[in-house]
Structure formats: structure tokens, C-alpha cells
Amino acid sequence: MISRLRGTLVTRGADRVEIETSGGVVYEVEVPLTVLQRIPSTGSPVELRTLQVVTDSSVALYGFIEAHERALFQRLLTASGVGAKLALAMMSAYDAERLARALVEKDTAALRQVSGVGKKKAEKIALELADRVGDLAIVTPRGDGGARPSAAQEAVQALIALGFTFTEADEAVRGVLEGGDHSGAADELIRKALANR
């Protein structure tokens, strides 16, 4: 399986790119719009995390910049009725973090904004994936001093247990993380989130 590609961006399309490796092999990689918007211009070096999807009629590579994006794509594929094309459309409509939050919150209105997802399919997808993507709905800021994702997740779960909705808890913890004045420990994130309320 090809899990990562590094090379030079040769072409950019509406939903795919071509990357030439140092060995001269050019790979076509399908990417969601949210990833395509962050890929550098043609001729620039690029590295994508990839997932190879094999079906009866095709073999395709799907590319992502961040590991959590690829992980969400893989989990989307586990839902019944969700193939690679629909998963790609869902990830083109929303960034990975927002899509994961929509699934956790069972926000079927947001899911129905994706082409090919009606009311029943949105409900089914949300029901199947809500418990599987919670860890991907919380992505901590990068840089030094950032909390471990597990500490942020623990803080969000604790706030939910205290009566916050997922969105309220997520926003409260995110506010503390972005403020930067914290040690990154879950108990401190919880205290500061409650104090800021």
C-alpha cells in the first residue's frame, strides 16, 4: 500500500493532482477541495498522506495533508452506503474537523449540504459514525505548548458530562487552547473553560 507520496507537483485539476517522485514516476492522486486549496503551486515540492482504495473496477489514490484527514476519510468509508466518491465529496464540503463535529453532533442539516446526501442517508451516516469520529472532531493548535489531543479530548468529554453540548465544550476548550496560558493538562483546561463561561 502507498501511504505517503513526496515529490514535485506536476499538475493540478479540479479534484486531483499529479505528483512526480524523485524516481520519475508520476502518481495521480484524488484530493478533496479542502486539501487542494492548501497544496502549493505547480512545480513546488509536495507531500501527501495517501490511502489506496481498490474496487472491482478501479484502483485510486486519495491524498491528504494531515493524518487526521486521512483517518476521517478511512472512517467515512466504513459507513454503509459511503464509497470513496461520496467520502471525497463530504470532505470537499467541510474541513475534516468540522465534518467530524457534524457527525458527532448528528448535524444532519450540515450533512445534507453535501451533494448526494439526502435526509435518510445523512441520518444513517451520522448514526453509524457519531461514536467513531469524536477524537477527530478536536484538533489542537500546532506549536509549542499545545495540549496533547488526548488532554483536549478528555476536557471536552468532562465538560459534556457537566452538561455542555459537544459544540459548547469544544468551543470552550478551544478558547483555552488558543489563549495559550495553560499547561496542557486536562484538569487545567476544564477549570479554565468553566471559568471563562
N, C-alpha and C. Protein backbone atom coordinates (compact mmCIF):
# COMPACT_ATOMS: atom_id res chain seq x y z
N MET A 1 0.84 -1.18 0.00
CA MET A 1 0.00 0.00 0.00
C MET A 1 0.89 1.25 0.00
N ILE A 2 0.47 2.27 -0.68
CA ILE A 2 1.20 3.54 -0.72
C ILE A 2 0.59 4.43 0.36
N SER A 3 1.37 4.78 1.37
CA SER A 3 0.81 5.56 2.48
C SER A 3 1.23 7.02 2.46
N ARG A 4 2.27 7.34 1.67
CA ARG A 4 2.71 8.72 1.60
C ARG A 4 3.44 8.94 0.28
N LEU A 5 3.23 10.10 -0.31
CA LEU A 5 3.92 10.46 -1.55
C LEU A 5 4.64 11.78 -1.35
N ARG A 6 5.89 11.82 -1.78
CA ARG A 6 6.67 13.04 -1.71
C ARG A 6 7.29 13.27 -3.08
N GLY A 7 7.16 14.48 -3.58
CA GLY A 7 7.74 14.78 -4.88
C GLY A 7 7.40 16.19 -5.32
N THR A 8 7.36 16.37 -6.63
CA THR A 8 7.08 17.68 -7.21
C THR A 8 5.68 17.67 -7.80
N LEU A 9 4.92 18.71 -7.52
CA LEU A 9 3.58 18.83 -8.08
C LEU A 9 3.68 19.13 -9.57
N VAL A 10 3.14 18.23 -10.39
CA VAL A 10 3.23 18.37 -11.84
C VAL A 10 1.99 19.07 -12.39
N THR A 11 0.81 18.61 -11.99
CA THR A 11 -0.43 19.24 -12.45
C THR A 11 -1.44 19.30 -11.31
N ARG A 12 -2.35 20.27 -11.45
CA ARG A 12 -3.48 20.41 -10.52
C ARG A 12 -4.75 20.41 -11.33
N GLY A 13 -5.72 19.61 -10.92
CA GLY A 13 -7.02 19.61 -11.56
C GLY A 13 -8.06 20.09 -10.56
N ALA A 14 -9.33 19.93 -10.91
CA ALA A 14 -10.41 20.35 -10.02
C ALA A 14 -10.51 19.45 -8.79
N ASP A 15 -10.14 18.18 -8.94
CA ASP A 15 -10.26 17.24 -7.82
C ASP A 15 -9.10 16.26 -7.74
N ARG A 16 -8.02 16.56 -8.42
CA ARG A 16 -6.87 15.65 -8.42
C ARG A 16 -5.59 16.41 -8.74
N VAL A 17 -4.49 15.79 -8.34
CA VAL A 17 -3.17 16.33 -8.64
C VAL A 17 -2.30 15.20 -9.17
N GLU A 18 -1.22 15.57 -9.82
CA GLU A 18 -0.21 14.59 -10.23
C GLU A 18 1.09 14.97 -9.55
N ILE A 19 1.73 13.97 -8.94
CA ILE A 19 2.98 14.20 -8.22
C ILE A 19 4.06 13.31 -8.84
N GLU A 20 5.18 13.94 -9.21
CA GLU A 20 6.31 13.19 -9.75
C GLU A 20 7.32 12.94 -8.63
N THR A 21 7.61 11.67 -8.39
CA THR A 21 8.57 11.32 -7.34
C THR A 21 9.99 11.51 -7.86
N SER A 22 10.96 11.40 -6.96
CA SER A 22 12.36 11.57 -7.36
C SER A 22 12.80 10.50 -8.34
N GLY A 23 12.11 9.37 -8.36
CA GLY A 23 12.43 8.29 -9.30
C GLY A 23 11.82 8.49 -10.68
N GLY A 24 11.06 9.57 -10.86
CA GLY A 24 10.47 9.87 -12.16
C GLY A 24 9.09 9.29 -12.38
N VAL A 25 8.54 8.59 -11.39
CA VAL A 25 7.19 8.03 -11.51
C VAL A 25 6.19 9.12 -11.14
N VAL A 26 5.14 9.26 -11.96
CA VAL A 26 4.10 10.26 -11.70
C VAL A 26 2.84 9.55 -11.22
N TYR A 27 2.35 9.98 -10.06
CA TYR A 27 1.14 9.40 -9.47
C TYR A 27 0.00 10.40 -9.57
N GLU A 28 -1.18 9.90 -9.96
CA GLU A 28 -2.38 10.71 -9.93
C GLU A 28 -3.06 10.46 -8.59
N VAL A 29 -3.37 11.54 -7.89
CA VAL A 29 -3.95 11.45 -6.55
C VAL A 29 -5.21 12.30 -6.50
N GLU A 30 -6.33 11.69 -6.13
CA GLU A 30 -7.56 12.44 -5.95
C GLU A 30 -7.54 13.09 -4.58
N VAL A 31 -7.96 14.35 -4.51
CA VAL A 31 -7.92 15.09 -3.25
C VAL A 31 -9.23 15.85 -3.06
N PRO A 32 -9.66 16.01 -1.80
CA PRO A 32 -10.83 16.85 -1.56
C PRO A 32 -10.47 18.32 -1.79
N LEU A 33 -11.46 19.13 -2.06
CA LEU A 33 -11.25 20.55 -2.31
C LEU A 33 -10.55 21.22 -1.13
N THR A 34 -10.89 20.81 0.09
CA THR A 34 -10.27 21.41 1.27
C THR A 34 -8.77 21.16 1.32
N VAL A 35 -8.31 20.10 0.70
CA VAL A 35 -6.87 19.81 0.61
C VAL A 35 -6.28 20.53 -0.59
N LEU A 36 -6.96 20.50 -1.71
CA LEU A 36 -6.47 21.14 -2.94
C LEU A 36 -6.17 22.62 -2.70
N GLN A 37 -7.00 23.27 -1.90
CA GLN A 37 -6.81 24.70 -1.62
C GLN A 37 -5.52 24.98 -0.86
N ARG A 38 -4.96 23.98 -0.19
CA ARG A 38 -3.75 24.17 0.61
C ARG A 38 -2.50 23.62 -0.06
N ILE A 39 -2.65 23.04 -1.23
CA ILE A 39 -1.49 22.48 -1.94
C ILE A 39 -0.78 23.61 -2.68
N PRO A 40 0.56 23.61 -2.66
CA PRO A 40 1.31 24.67 -3.33
C PRO A 40 1.13 24.64 -4.85
N SER A 41 1.70 25.63 -5.49
CA SER A 41 1.56 25.75 -6.94
C SER A 41 2.37 24.68 -7.68
N THR A 42 2.04 24.50 -8.94
CA THR A 42 2.72 23.53 -9.80
C THR A 42 4.23 23.82 -9.80
N GLY A 43 5.01 22.75 -9.73
CA GLY A 43 6.47 22.87 -9.70
C GLY A 43 7.04 22.90 -8.30
N SER A 44 6.16 23.01 -7.31
CA SER A 44 6.61 23.06 -5.91
C SER A 44 6.71 21.66 -5.32
N PRO A 45 7.56 21.50 -4.30
CA PRO A 45 7.60 20.21 -3.61
C PRO A 45 6.31 20.02 -2.81
N VAL A 46 5.85 18.79 -2.74
CA VAL A 46 4.61 18.49 -2.02
C VAL A 46 4.72 17.10 -1.39
N GLU A 47 4.06 16.93 -0.27
CA GLU A 47 3.99 15.62 0.37
C GLU A 47 2.55 15.39 0.82
N LEU A 48 2.00 14.25 0.44
CA LEU A 48 0.63 13.90 0.81
C LEU A 48 0.61 12.55 1.50
N ARG A 49 -0.24 12.46 2.50
CA ARG A 49 -0.56 11.15 3.10
C ARG A 49 -1.63 10.56 2.20
N THR A 50 -1.48 9.31 1.85
CA THR A 50 -2.40 8.74 0.87
C THR A 50 -3.08 7.49 1.39
N LEU A 51 -4.19 7.20 0.76
CA LEU A 51 -4.92 5.96 1.01
C LEU A 51 -5.24 5.37 -0.35
N GLN A 52 -4.87 4.14 -0.55
CA GLN A 52 -5.15 3.44 -1.80
C GLN A 52 -6.46 2.69 -1.63
N VAL A 53 -7.41 2.95 -2.52
CA VAL A 53 -8.72 2.30 -2.47
C VAL A 53 -8.87 1.44 -3.71
N VAL A 54 -9.09 0.16 -3.49
CA VAL A 54 -9.24 -0.80 -4.59
C VAL A 54 -10.68 -1.28 -4.63
N THR A 55 -11.31 -1.15 -5.80
CA THR A 55 -12.66 -1.68 -6.00
C THR A 55 -12.60 -2.67 -7.15
N ASP A 56 -13.74 -3.27 -7.47
CA ASP A 56 -13.79 -4.22 -8.59
C ASP A 56 -13.40 -3.57 -9.90
N SER A 57 -13.70 -2.27 -10.04
CA SER A 57 -13.48 -1.62 -11.33
C SER A 57 -12.33 -0.62 -11.35
N SER A 58 -11.73 -0.31 -10.20
CA SER A 58 -10.67 0.70 -10.23
C SER A 58 -9.73 0.59 -9.03
N VAL A 59 -8.60 1.25 -9.19
CA VAL A 59 -7.64 1.45 -8.11
C VAL A 59 -7.36 2.94 -8.09
N ALA A 60 -7.51 3.58 -6.93
CA ALA A 60 -7.30 5.02 -6.86
C ALA A 60 -6.53 5.37 -5.60
N LEU A 61 -5.77 6.46 -5.70
CA LEU A 61 -5.07 7.02 -4.55
C LEU A 61 -5.79 8.29 -4.14
N TYR A 62 -6.02 8.44 -2.84
CA TYR A 62 -6.64 9.64 -2.29
C TYR A 62 -5.62 10.29 -1.38
N GLY A 63 -5.45 11.61 -1.51
CA GLY A 63 -4.40 12.29 -0.77
C GLY A 63 -4.89 13.32 0.22
N PHE A 64 -4.13 13.47 1.30
CA PHE A 64 -4.46 14.38 2.39
C PHE A 64 -3.18 14.97 2.94
N ILE A 65 -3.29 16.16 3.48
CA ILE A 65 -2.11 16.82 4.04
C ILE A 65 -1.86 16.33 5.47
N GLU A 66 -2.91 16.21 6.25
CA GLU A 66 -2.78 15.84 7.66
C GLU A 66 -3.24 14.40 7.90
N ALA A 67 -2.66 13.78 8.91
CA ALA A 67 -3.01 12.39 9.25
C ALA A 67 -4.47 12.27 9.67
N HIS A 68 -5.00 13.27 10.39
CA HIS A 68 -6.39 13.17 10.84
C HIS A 68 -7.37 13.26 9.67
N GLU A 69 -6.97 13.92 8.58
CA GLU A 69 -7.83 13.96 7.39
C GLU A 69 -7.93 12.57 6.77
N ARG A 70 -6.81 11.91 6.65
CA ARG A 70 -6.81 10.55 6.10
C ARG A 70 -7.59 9.61 7.01
N ALA A 71 -7.43 9.76 8.31
CA ALA A 71 -8.14 8.91 9.27
C ALA A 71 -9.66 9.10 9.14
N LEU A 72 -10.10 10.34 8.98
CA LEU A 72 -11.54 10.58 8.82
C LEU A 72 -12.04 9.96 7.52
N PHE A 73 -11.29 10.10 6.45
CA PHE A 73 -11.67 9.50 5.17
C PHE A 73 -11.83 7.99 5.33
N GLN A 74 -10.89 7.35 6.01
CA GLN A 74 -10.96 5.90 6.23
C GLN A 74 -12.22 5.53 7.01
N ARG A 75 -12.53 6.32 8.02
CA ARG A 75 -13.72 6.01 8.84
C ARG A 75 -15.01 6.26 8.07
N LEU A 76 -15.02 7.28 7.22
CA LEU A 76 -16.20 7.52 6.38
C LEU A 76 -16.48 6.30 5.51
N LEU A 77 -15.43 5.68 5.02
CA LEU A 77 -15.59 4.51 4.15
C LEU A 77 -16.19 3.31 4.88
N THR A 78 -16.16 3.32 6.21
CA THR A 78 -16.73 2.20 6.96
C THR A 78 -18.25 2.30 7.09
N ALA A 79 -18.82 3.45 6.79
CA ALA A 79 -20.27 3.61 6.88
C ALA A 79 -20.93 2.97 5.67
N SER A 80 -22.04 2.29 5.90
CA SER A 80 -22.72 1.64 4.77
C SER A 80 -23.26 2.71 3.82
N GLY A 81 -23.07 2.47 2.54
CA GLY A 81 -23.54 3.40 1.53
C GLY A 81 -22.58 4.54 1.24
N VAL A 82 -21.42 4.55 1.90
CA VAL A 82 -20.44 5.61 1.65
C VAL A 82 -19.24 4.99 0.94
N GLY A 83 -19.09 5.37 -0.31
CA GLY A 83 -17.92 4.95 -1.07
C GLY A 83 -16.91 6.08 -1.12
N ALA A 84 -15.83 5.86 -1.83
CA ALA A 84 -14.76 6.85 -1.88
C ALA A 84 -15.23 8.17 -2.49
N LYS A 85 -16.07 8.12 -3.51
CA LYS A 85 -16.53 9.36 -4.16
C LYS A 85 -17.36 10.20 -3.20
N LEU A 86 -18.28 9.55 -2.46
CA LEU A 86 -19.10 10.30 -1.51
C LEU A 86 -18.25 10.81 -0.35
N ALA A 87 -17.33 10.00 0.14
CA ALA A 87 -16.45 10.44 1.22
C ALA A 87 -15.63 11.65 0.77
N LEU A 88 -15.16 11.63 -0.47
CA LEU A 88 -14.40 12.75 -1.02
C LEU A 88 -15.28 13.99 -1.11
N ALA A 89 -16.53 13.82 -1.53
CA ALA A 89 -17.46 14.95 -1.62
C ALA A 89 -17.73 15.54 -0.23
N MET A 90 -17.87 14.68 0.76
CA MET A 90 -18.10 15.16 2.13
C MET A 90 -16.91 15.95 2.64
N MET A 91 -15.71 15.46 2.34
CA MET A 91 -14.51 16.15 2.80
C MET A 91 -14.19 17.38 1.96
N SER A 92 -14.81 17.49 0.79
CA SER A 92 -14.67 18.70 -0.01
C SER A 92 -15.60 19.79 0.50
N ALA A 93 -16.72 19.39 1.08
CA ALA A 93 -17.70 20.35 1.58
C ALA A 93 -17.26 20.98 2.90
N TYR A 94 -16.58 20.21 3.74
CA TYR A 94 -16.17 20.68 5.07
C TYR A 94 -14.76 20.22 5.37
N ASP A 95 -14.02 21.04 6.14
CA ASP A 95 -12.72 20.55 6.58
C ASP A 95 -12.94 19.38 7.53
N ALA A 96 -11.92 18.59 7.74
CA ALA A 96 -12.06 17.33 8.49
C ALA A 96 -12.61 17.55 9.89
N GLU A 97 -12.13 18.57 10.56
CA GLU A 97 -12.57 18.82 11.93
C GLU A 97 -14.06 19.17 11.97
N ARG A 98 -14.51 20.04 11.06
CA ARG A 98 -15.92 20.44 11.04
C ARG A 98 -16.81 19.26 10.66
N LEU A 99 -16.38 18.46 9.71
CA LEU A 99 -17.17 17.29 9.30
C LEU A 99 -17.29 16.30 10.45
N ALA A 100 -16.19 16.08 11.16
CA ALA A 100 -16.24 15.18 12.32
C ALA A 100 -17.19 15.71 13.38
N ARG A 101 -17.17 17.04 13.60
CA ARG A 101 -18.10 17.63 14.58
C ARG A 101 -19.53 17.44 14.13
N ALA A 102 -19.80 17.62 12.84
CA ALA A 102 -21.17 17.43 12.33
C ALA A 102 -21.63 16.00 12.57
N LEU A 103 -20.74 15.05 12.40
CA LEU A 103 -21.09 13.65 12.62
C LEU A 103 -21.33 13.37 14.10
N VAL A 104 -20.47 13.89 14.96
CA VAL A 104 -20.61 13.68 16.40
C VAL A 104 -21.92 14.29 16.90
N GLU A 105 -22.21 15.49 16.41
CA GLU A 105 -23.42 16.20 16.83
C GLU A 105 -24.67 15.70 16.11
N LYS A 106 -24.47 14.79 15.16
CA LYS A 106 -25.57 14.28 14.33
C LYS A 106 -26.30 15.45 13.64
N ASP A 107 -25.49 16.37 13.12
CA ASP A 107 -25.99 17.56 12.43
C ASP A 107 -26.35 17.18 11.00
N THR A 108 -27.53 16.61 10.84
CA THR A 108 -27.93 16.13 9.51
C THR A 108 -28.14 17.27 8.53
N ALA A 109 -28.47 18.46 9.03
CA ALA A 109 -28.63 19.61 8.13
C ALA A 109 -27.31 19.92 7.44
N ALA A 110 -26.22 19.85 8.18
CA ALA A 110 -24.89 20.10 7.59
C ALA A 110 -24.54 18.99 6.61
N LEU A 111 -24.83 17.75 6.98
CA LEU A 111 -24.50 16.63 6.10
C LEU A 111 -25.30 16.67 4.81
N ARG A 112 -26.53 17.16 4.87
CA ARG A 112 -27.37 17.23 3.66
C ARG A 112 -26.88 18.27 2.67
N GLN A 113 -25.96 19.13 3.08
CA GLN A 113 -25.40 20.12 2.16
C GLN A 113 -24.46 19.47 1.15
N VAL A 114 -24.08 18.24 1.42
CA VAL A 114 -23.18 17.51 0.53
C VAL A 114 -23.99 16.91 -0.61
N SER A 115 -23.54 17.12 -1.83
CA SER A 115 -24.22 16.56 -2.99
C SER A 115 -24.28 15.03 -2.88
N GLY A 116 -25.48 14.49 -3.03
CA GLY A 116 -25.66 13.04 -2.96
C GLY A 116 -26.08 12.54 -1.59
N VAL A 117 -26.24 13.46 -0.63
CA VAL A 117 -26.67 13.07 0.72
C VAL A 117 -28.03 13.69 1.01
N GLY A 118 -29.04 12.82 1.08
CA GLY A 118 -30.38 13.26 1.44
C GLY A 118 -30.61 13.08 2.92
N LYS A 119 -31.85 13.32 3.34
CA LYS A 119 -32.18 13.26 4.77
C LYS A 119 -31.91 11.87 5.37
N LYS A 120 -32.41 10.83 4.72
CA LYS A 120 -32.24 9.48 5.28
C LYS A 120 -30.78 9.05 5.30
N LYS A 121 -30.06 9.36 4.23
CA LYS A 121 -28.65 8.97 4.19
C LYS A 121 -27.86 9.75 5.25
N ALA A 122 -28.17 11.03 5.43
CA ALA A 122 -27.49 11.84 6.44
C ALA A 122 -27.72 11.26 7.83
N GLU A 123 -28.96 10.88 8.11
CA GLU A 123 -29.28 10.29 9.42
C GLU A 123 -28.53 8.98 9.63
N LYS A 124 -28.49 8.17 8.59
CA LYS A 124 -27.84 6.86 8.69
C LYS A 124 -26.33 7.02 8.91
N ILE A 125 -25.71 7.91 8.14
CA ILE A 125 -24.27 8.13 8.26
C ILE A 125 -23.93 8.67 9.65
N ALA A 126 -24.71 9.65 10.11
CA ALA A 126 -24.46 10.23 11.44
C ALA A 126 -24.62 9.18 12.53
N LEU A 127 -25.64 8.36 12.41
CA LEU A 127 -25.88 7.32 13.41
C LEU A 127 -24.72 6.32 13.46
N GLU A 128 -24.24 5.93 12.29
CA GLU A 128 -23.16 4.94 12.23
C GLU A 128 -21.81 5.49 12.69
N LEU A 129 -21.55 6.77 12.41
CA LEU A 129 -20.21 7.30 12.64
C LEU A 129 -20.06 8.20 13.87
N ALA A 130 -21.15 8.61 14.48
CA ALA A 130 -21.06 9.57 15.60
C ALA A 130 -20.10 9.11 16.69
N ASP A 131 -20.12 7.84 17.02
CA ASP A 131 -19.25 7.34 18.09
C ASP A 131 -17.84 7.01 17.61
N ARG A 132 -17.61 7.04 16.32
CA ARG A 132 -16.31 6.63 15.78
C ARG A 132 -15.38 7.79 15.43
N VAL A 133 -15.90 9.03 15.44
CA VAL A 133 -15.08 10.14 14.96
C VAL A 133 -14.87 11.25 15.99
N GLY A 134 -15.29 11.03 17.22
CA GLY A 134 -15.16 12.06 18.25
C GLY A 134 -13.74 12.54 18.44
N ASP A 135 -12.78 11.63 18.36
CA ASP A 135 -11.38 12.02 18.53
C ASP A 135 -10.88 12.91 17.40
N LEU A 136 -11.54 12.88 16.26
CA LEU A 136 -11.12 13.70 15.12
C LEU A 136 -11.82 15.05 15.09
N ALA A 137 -12.83 15.23 15.94
CA ALA A 137 -13.56 16.49 15.98
C ALA A 137 -12.80 17.55 16.75
N ILE A 138 -11.77 17.14 17.47
CA ILE A 138 -11.00 18.07 18.28
C ILE A 138 -9.56 18.02 17.80
N VAL A 139 -9.13 19.07 17.16
CA VAL A 139 -7.74 19.14 16.72
C VAL A 139 -7.12 20.35 17.40
N THR A 140 -6.08 20.12 18.18
CA THR A 140 -5.47 21.20 18.94
C THR A 140 -4.57 22.04 18.05
N PRO A 141 -4.36 23.31 18.42
CA PRO A 141 -3.47 24.16 17.64
C PRO A 141 -2.06 23.59 17.62
N ARG A 142 -1.32 23.88 16.55
CA ARG A 142 0.06 23.42 16.46
C ARG A 142 0.96 24.38 17.20
N GLY A 143 2.17 23.93 17.42
CA GLY A 143 3.17 24.79 18.02
C GLY A 143 3.52 24.34 19.42
N ASP A 144 4.52 24.97 19.97
CA ASP A 144 4.98 24.62 21.32
C ASP A 144 3.93 24.99 22.34
N GLY A 145 3.83 24.21 23.37
CA GLY A 145 2.92 24.50 24.46
C GLY A 145 1.50 24.04 24.21
N GLY A 146 1.22 23.45 23.06
CA GLY A 146 -0.13 22.98 22.80
C GLY A 146 -0.43 21.75 23.62
N ALA A 147 -1.68 21.62 24.00
CA ALA A 147 -2.07 20.44 24.79
C ALA A 147 -2.05 19.20 23.91
N ARG A 148 -1.82 18.06 24.54
CA ARG A 148 -1.93 16.80 23.80
C ARG A 148 -3.37 16.64 23.36
N PRO A 149 -3.62 16.09 22.17
CA PRO A 149 -5.00 15.89 21.75
C PRO A 149 -5.80 15.11 22.77
N SER A 150 -5.19 14.14 23.45
CA SER A 150 -5.94 13.35 24.42
C SER A 150 -6.38 14.21 25.60
N ALA A 151 -5.58 15.18 26.02
CA ALA A 151 -5.97 16.07 27.12
C ALA A 151 -7.14 16.95 26.70
N ALA A 152 -7.10 17.47 25.48
CA ALA A 152 -8.21 18.28 24.98
C ALA A 152 -9.48 17.44 24.87
N GLN A 153 -9.33 16.23 24.37
CA GLN A 153 -10.50 15.35 24.25
C GLN A 153 -11.07 15.02 25.62
N GLU A 154 -10.18 14.76 26.57
CA GLU A 154 -10.63 14.45 27.94
C GLU A 154 -11.37 15.64 28.53
N ALA A 155 -10.86 16.84 28.29
CA ALA A 155 -11.52 18.05 28.81
C ALA A 155 -12.90 18.23 28.18
N VAL A 156 -12.99 18.02 26.88
CA VAL A 156 -14.29 18.15 26.21
C VAL A 156 -15.28 17.13 26.76
N GLN A 157 -14.84 15.90 26.92
CA GLN A 157 -15.73 14.86 27.44
C GLN A 157 -16.19 15.19 28.86
N ALA A 158 -15.30 15.73 29.67
CA ALA A 158 -15.67 16.11 31.05
C ALA A 158 -16.70 17.23 31.03
N LEU A 159 -16.52 18.21 30.16
CA LEU A 159 -17.48 19.31 30.07
C LEU A 159 -18.84 18.81 29.58
N ILE A 160 -18.84 17.87 28.68
CA ILE A 160 -20.10 17.27 28.22
C ILE A 160 -20.79 16.59 29.40
N ALA A 161 -20.02 15.89 30.22
CA ALA A 161 -20.59 15.22 31.40
C ALA A 161 -21.16 16.24 32.38
N LEU A 162 -20.64 17.46 32.35
CA LEU A 162 -21.15 18.53 33.23
C LEU A 162 -22.34 19.26 32.63
N GLY A 163 -22.79 18.84 31.45
CA GLY A 163 -23.99 19.42 30.86
C GLY A 163 -23.78 20.29 29.64
N PHE A 164 -22.53 20.48 29.22
CA PHE A 164 -22.28 21.23 27.99
C PHE A 164 -22.71 20.38 26.79
N THR A 165 -23.10 21.04 25.71
CA THR A 165 -23.27 20.30 24.45
C THR A 165 -21.87 20.08 23.89
N PHE A 166 -21.76 19.21 22.89
CA PHE A 166 -20.45 18.98 22.29
C PHE A 166 -19.88 20.28 21.75
N THR A 167 -20.70 21.07 21.05
CA THR A 167 -20.23 22.32 20.45
C THR A 167 -19.75 23.29 21.52
N GLU A 168 -20.52 23.44 22.60
CA GLU A 168 -20.13 24.34 23.69
C GLU A 168 -18.82 23.89 24.32
N ALA A 169 -18.71 22.60 24.58
CA ALA A 169 -17.49 22.06 25.20
C ALA A 169 -16.29 22.25 24.29
N ASP A 170 -16.47 21.94 23.02
CA ASP A 170 -15.39 22.08 22.04
C ASP A 170 -14.93 23.53 21.95
N GLU A 171 -15.88 24.46 21.86
CA GLU A 171 -15.52 25.88 21.76
C GLU A 171 -14.85 26.37 23.04
N ALA A 172 -15.32 25.91 24.20
CA ALA A 172 -14.72 26.33 25.47
C ALA A 172 -13.27 25.86 25.57
N VAL A 173 -13.02 24.61 25.25
CA VAL A 173 -11.65 24.08 25.31
C VAL A 173 -10.78 24.75 24.25
N ARG A 174 -11.32 24.94 23.08
CA ARG A 174 -10.57 25.61 22.01
C ARG A 174 -10.17 27.03 22.45
N GLY A 175 -11.09 27.73 23.12
CA GLY A 175 -10.79 29.07 23.60
C GLY A 175 -9.62 29.08 24.58
N VAL A 176 -9.59 28.11 25.47
CA VAL A 176 -8.48 28.00 26.43
C VAL A 176 -7.18 27.68 25.68
N LEU A 177 -7.24 26.76 24.74
CA LEU A 177 -6.04 26.38 23.99
C LEU A 177 -5.48 27.55 23.19
N GLU A 178 -6.37 28.31 22.58
CA GLU A 178 -5.92 29.44 21.76
C GLU A 178 -5.38 30.57 22.63
N GLY A 179 -5.87 30.66 23.89
CA GLY A 179 -5.37 31.68 24.82
C GLY A 179 -3.91 31.46 25.18
N GLY A 180 -3.48 30.21 25.14
CA GLY A 180 -2.07 29.89 25.35
C GLY A 180 -1.60 29.87 26.79
N ASP A 181 -2.38 30.35 27.74
CA ASP A 181 -1.96 30.41 29.14
C ASP A 181 -2.43 29.16 29.88
N HIS A 182 -1.78 28.03 29.60
CA HIS A 182 -2.17 26.76 30.20
C HIS A 182 -1.01 25.78 30.13
N SER A 183 -1.07 24.75 30.95
CA SER A 183 -0.02 23.73 30.96
C SER A 183 -0.31 22.60 29.98
N GLY A 184 -1.56 22.52 29.52
CA GLY A 184 -1.95 21.43 28.62
C GLY A 184 -2.58 20.26 29.33
N ALA A 185 -2.65 20.31 30.67
CA ALA A 185 -3.27 19.22 31.43
C ALA A 185 -4.79 19.33 31.33
N ALA A 186 -5.45 18.20 31.26
CA ALA A 186 -6.91 18.17 31.10
C ALA A 186 -7.61 18.91 32.23
N ASP A 187 -7.18 18.68 33.49
CA ASP A 187 -7.87 19.33 34.60
C ASP A 187 -7.77 20.85 34.53
N GLU A 188 -6.63 21.36 34.08
CA GLU A 188 -6.49 22.81 33.94
C GLU A 188 -7.36 23.33 32.80
N LEU A 189 -7.40 22.60 31.69
CA LEU A 189 -8.26 23.01 30.58
C LEU A 189 -9.72 23.07 31.03
N ILE A 190 -10.14 22.11 31.83
CA ILE A 190 -11.52 22.08 32.32
C ILE A 190 -11.78 23.28 33.22
N ARG A 191 -10.88 23.53 34.19
CA ARG A 191 -11.06 24.66 35.12
C ARG A 191 -11.14 25.98 34.37
N LYS A 192 -10.22 26.19 33.43
CA LYS A 192 -10.21 27.46 32.70
C LYS A 192 -11.42 27.59 31.79
N ALA A 193 -11.86 26.50 31.19
CA ALA A 193 -13.06 26.55 30.34
C ALA A 193 -14.28 26.92 31.18
N LEU A 194 -14.38 26.36 32.38
CA LEU A 194 -15.50 26.69 33.27
C LEU A 194 -15.42 28.13 33.74
N ALA A 195 -14.21 28.61 34.03
CA ALA A 195 -14.02 29.99 34.49
C ALA A 195 -14.36 31.00 33.39
N ASN A 196 -14.11 30.64 32.14
CA ASN A 196 -14.38 31.55 31.02
C ASN A 196 -15.84 31.58 30.60
N ARG A 197 -16.62 30.68 31.14
CA ARG A 197 -18.02 30.57 30.70
C ARG A 197 -18.84 31.75 31.10
